[in-house]
C-alpha atoms as a PDB file:
ATOM      1  CA  UNK A   1       1.462  -0.624 -33.475  1.00  0.00           C
ATOM      2  CA  UNK A   2       4.337   1.836 -33.381  1.00  0.00           C
ATOM      3  CA  UNK A   3       6.885   1.595 -30.558  1.00  0.00           C
ATOM      4  CA  UNK A   4       7.036   4.732 -28.387  1.00  0.00           C
ATOM      5  CA  UNK A   5      10.289   6.641 -28.710  1.00  0.00           C
ATOM      6  CA  UNK A   6      10.055   8.628 -25.481  1.00  0.00           C
ATOM      7  CA  UNK A   7       9.238   5.888 -22.955  1.00  0.00           C
ATOM      8  CA  UNK A   8      11.327   5.996 -19.795  1.00  0.00           C
ATOM      9  CA  UNK A   9      12.459   2.848 -18.031  1.00  0.00           C
ATOM     10  CA  UNK A  10      10.680   3.946 -14.858  1.00  0.00           C
ATOM     11  CA  UNK A  11       7.351   4.408 -16.676  1.00  0.00           C
ATOM     12  CA  UNK A  12       7.743   1.056 -18.410  1.00  0.00           C
ATOM     13  CA  UNK A  13       8.401  -0.708 -15.084  1.00  0.00           C
ATOM     14  CA  UNK A  14       5.279   0.899 -13.569  1.00  0.00           C
ATOM     15  CA  UNK A  15       3.238  -0.243 -16.566  1.00  0.00           C
ATOM     16  CA  UNK A  16       4.483  -3.827 -16.317  1.00  0.00           C
ATOM     17  CA  UNK A  17       3.722  -3.949 -12.590  1.00  0.00           C
ATOM     18  CA  UNK A  18       0.261  -2.435 -12.972  1.00  0.00           C
ATOM     19  CA  UNK A  19      -0.949  -4.217 -16.123  1.00  0.00           C
ATOM     20  CA  UNK A  20       1.067  -7.432 -16.499  1.00  0.00           C
ATOM     21  CA  UNK A  21       1.518  -8.782 -12.937  1.00  0.00           C
ATOM     22  CA  UNK A  22       5.236  -8.084 -12.548  1.00  0.00           C
ATOM     23  CA  UNK A  23       6.770  -6.914  -9.291  1.00  0.00           C
ATOM     24  CA  UNK A  24      10.035  -5.134  -8.570  1.00  0.00           C
ATOM     25  CA  UNK A  25      12.545  -7.432  -6.877  1.00  0.00           C
ATOM     26  CA  UNK A  26      15.491  -5.046  -6.628  1.00  0.00           C
ATOM     27  CA  UNK A  27      17.567  -2.520  -8.508  1.00  0.00           C
ATOM     28  CA  UNK A  28      21.201  -2.998  -9.448  1.00  0.00           C
ATOM     29  CA  UNK A  29      22.769   0.289 -10.519  1.00  0.00           C
ATOM     30  CA  UNK A  30      20.625   1.499 -13.415  1.00  0.00           C
ATOM     31  CA  UNK A  31      18.686  -1.747 -13.991  1.00  0.00           C
ATOM     32  CA  UNK A  32      15.445  -2.725 -12.290  1.00  0.00           C
ATOM     33  CA  UNK A  33      14.884  -6.469 -11.904  1.00  0.00           C
ATOM     34  CA  UNK A  34      11.256  -7.561 -12.253  1.00  0.00           C
ATOM     35  CA  UNK A  35       9.692 -10.938 -11.555  1.00  0.00           C
ATOM     36  CA  UNK A  36       6.393 -12.655 -12.305  1.00  0.00           C
ATOM     37  CA  UNK A  37       4.858 -16.020 -11.538  1.00  0.00           C
ATOM     38  CA  UNK A  38       2.143 -15.751 -14.202  1.00  0.00           C
ATOM     39  CA  UNK A  39       1.953 -18.095 -16.096  1.00  0.00           C
ATOM     40  CA  UNK A  40       5.307 -19.346 -14.772  1.00  0.00           C
ATOM     41  CA  UNK A  41       8.415 -17.879 -13.179  1.00  0.00           C
ATOM     42  CA  UNK A  42      10.258 -15.212 -15.171  1.00  0.00           C
ATOM     43  CA  UNK A  43      12.773 -12.515 -14.302  1.00  0.00           C
ATOM     44  CA  UNK A  44      13.681  -9.619 -16.550  1.00  0.00           C
ATOM     45  CA  UNK A  45      15.921  -6.575 -16.200  1.00  0.00           C
ATOM     46  CA  UNK A  46      14.759  -3.172 -17.424  1.00  0.00           C
ATOM     47  CA  UNK A  47      17.175  -0.242 -17.713  1.00  0.00           C
ATOM     48  CA  UNK A  48      15.990   2.683 -15.576  1.00  0.00           C
ATOM     49  CA  UNK A  49      17.080   5.195 -18.205  1.00  0.00           C
ATOM     50  CA  UNK A  50      15.353   8.428 -19.161  1.00  0.00           C
ATOM     51  CA  UNK A  51      14.515   7.073 -22.626  1.00  0.00           C
ATOM     52  CA  UNK A  52      14.704   3.389 -23.487  1.00  0.00           C
ATOM     53  CA  UNK A  53      16.440   2.610 -26.752  1.00  0.00           C
ATOM     54  CA  UNK A  54      14.193   1.121 -29.415  1.00  0.00           C
ATOM     55  CA  UNK A  55      16.181  -2.113 -29.766  1.00  0.00           C
ATOM     56  CA  UNK A  56      16.241  -2.640 -25.999  1.00  0.00           C
ATOM     57  CA  UNK A  57      12.511  -2.043 -25.698  1.00  0.00           C
ATOM     58  CA  UNK A  58      11.785  -4.405 -28.630  1.00  0.00           C
ATOM     59  CA  UNK A  59      13.863  -7.175 -27.032  1.00  0.00           C
ATOM     60  CA  UNK A  60      12.123  -6.797 -23.664  1.00  0.00           C
ATOM     61  CA  UNK A  61       8.678  -6.730 -25.305  1.00  0.00           C
ATOM     62  CA  UNK A  62       9.510  -9.836 -27.361  1.00  0.00           C
ATOM     63  CA  UNK A  63      10.616 -11.723 -24.230  1.00  0.00           C
ATOM     64  CA  UNK A  64       7.497 -10.755 -22.278  1.00  0.00           C
ATOM     65  CA  UNK A  65       5.155 -11.512 -25.195  1.00  0.00           C
ATOM     66  CA  UNK A  66       6.587 -15.016 -25.585  1.00  0.00           C
ATOM     67  CA  UNK A  67       6.335 -15.706 -21.870  1.00  0.00           C
ATOM     68  CA  UNK A  68       2.784 -14.378 -21.501  1.00  0.00           C
ATOM     69  CA  UNK A  69       1.580 -15.895 -24.780  1.00  0.00           C
ATOM     70  CA  UNK A  70       0.369 -12.601 -26.229  1.00  0.00           C
ATOM     71  CA  UNK A  71       1.277 -10.440 -29.213  1.00  0.00           C
ATOM     72  CA  UNK A  72       3.734  -7.567 -28.833  1.00  0.00           C
ATOM     73  CA  UNK A  73       0.992  -5.163 -29.938  1.00  0.00           C
ATOM     74  CA  UNK A  74      -1.150  -6.301 -26.981  1.00  0.00           C
ATOM     75  CA  UNK A  75       1.615  -5.167 -24.650  1.00  0.00           C
ATOM     76  CA  UNK A  76       1.900  -1.808 -26.416  1.00  0.00           C
ATOM     77  CA  UNK A  77      -1.833  -1.030 -26.540  1.00  0.00           C
ATOM     78  CA  UNK A  78      -2.069  -0.240 -22.854  1.00  0.00           C
ATOM     79  CA  UNK A  79       1.007   2.031 -22.737  1.00  0.00           C
END
């Protein structure tokens, strides 16, 4: 599945909270820190930029996919 080129950090954070059981812990400058306990504890930082860079989005998706035990495409399908 193709990675979206116009996804904002804010929209991505909302998606992760709604669909993948993350919650916003706090925001430091332009980065939102998210946390989940499913299947185990994980914290990630997502830039709250207007458009996420492709490499940044790929790295975040790869980290989440490994932690959740799913494919990257599964994360992208619901965007």
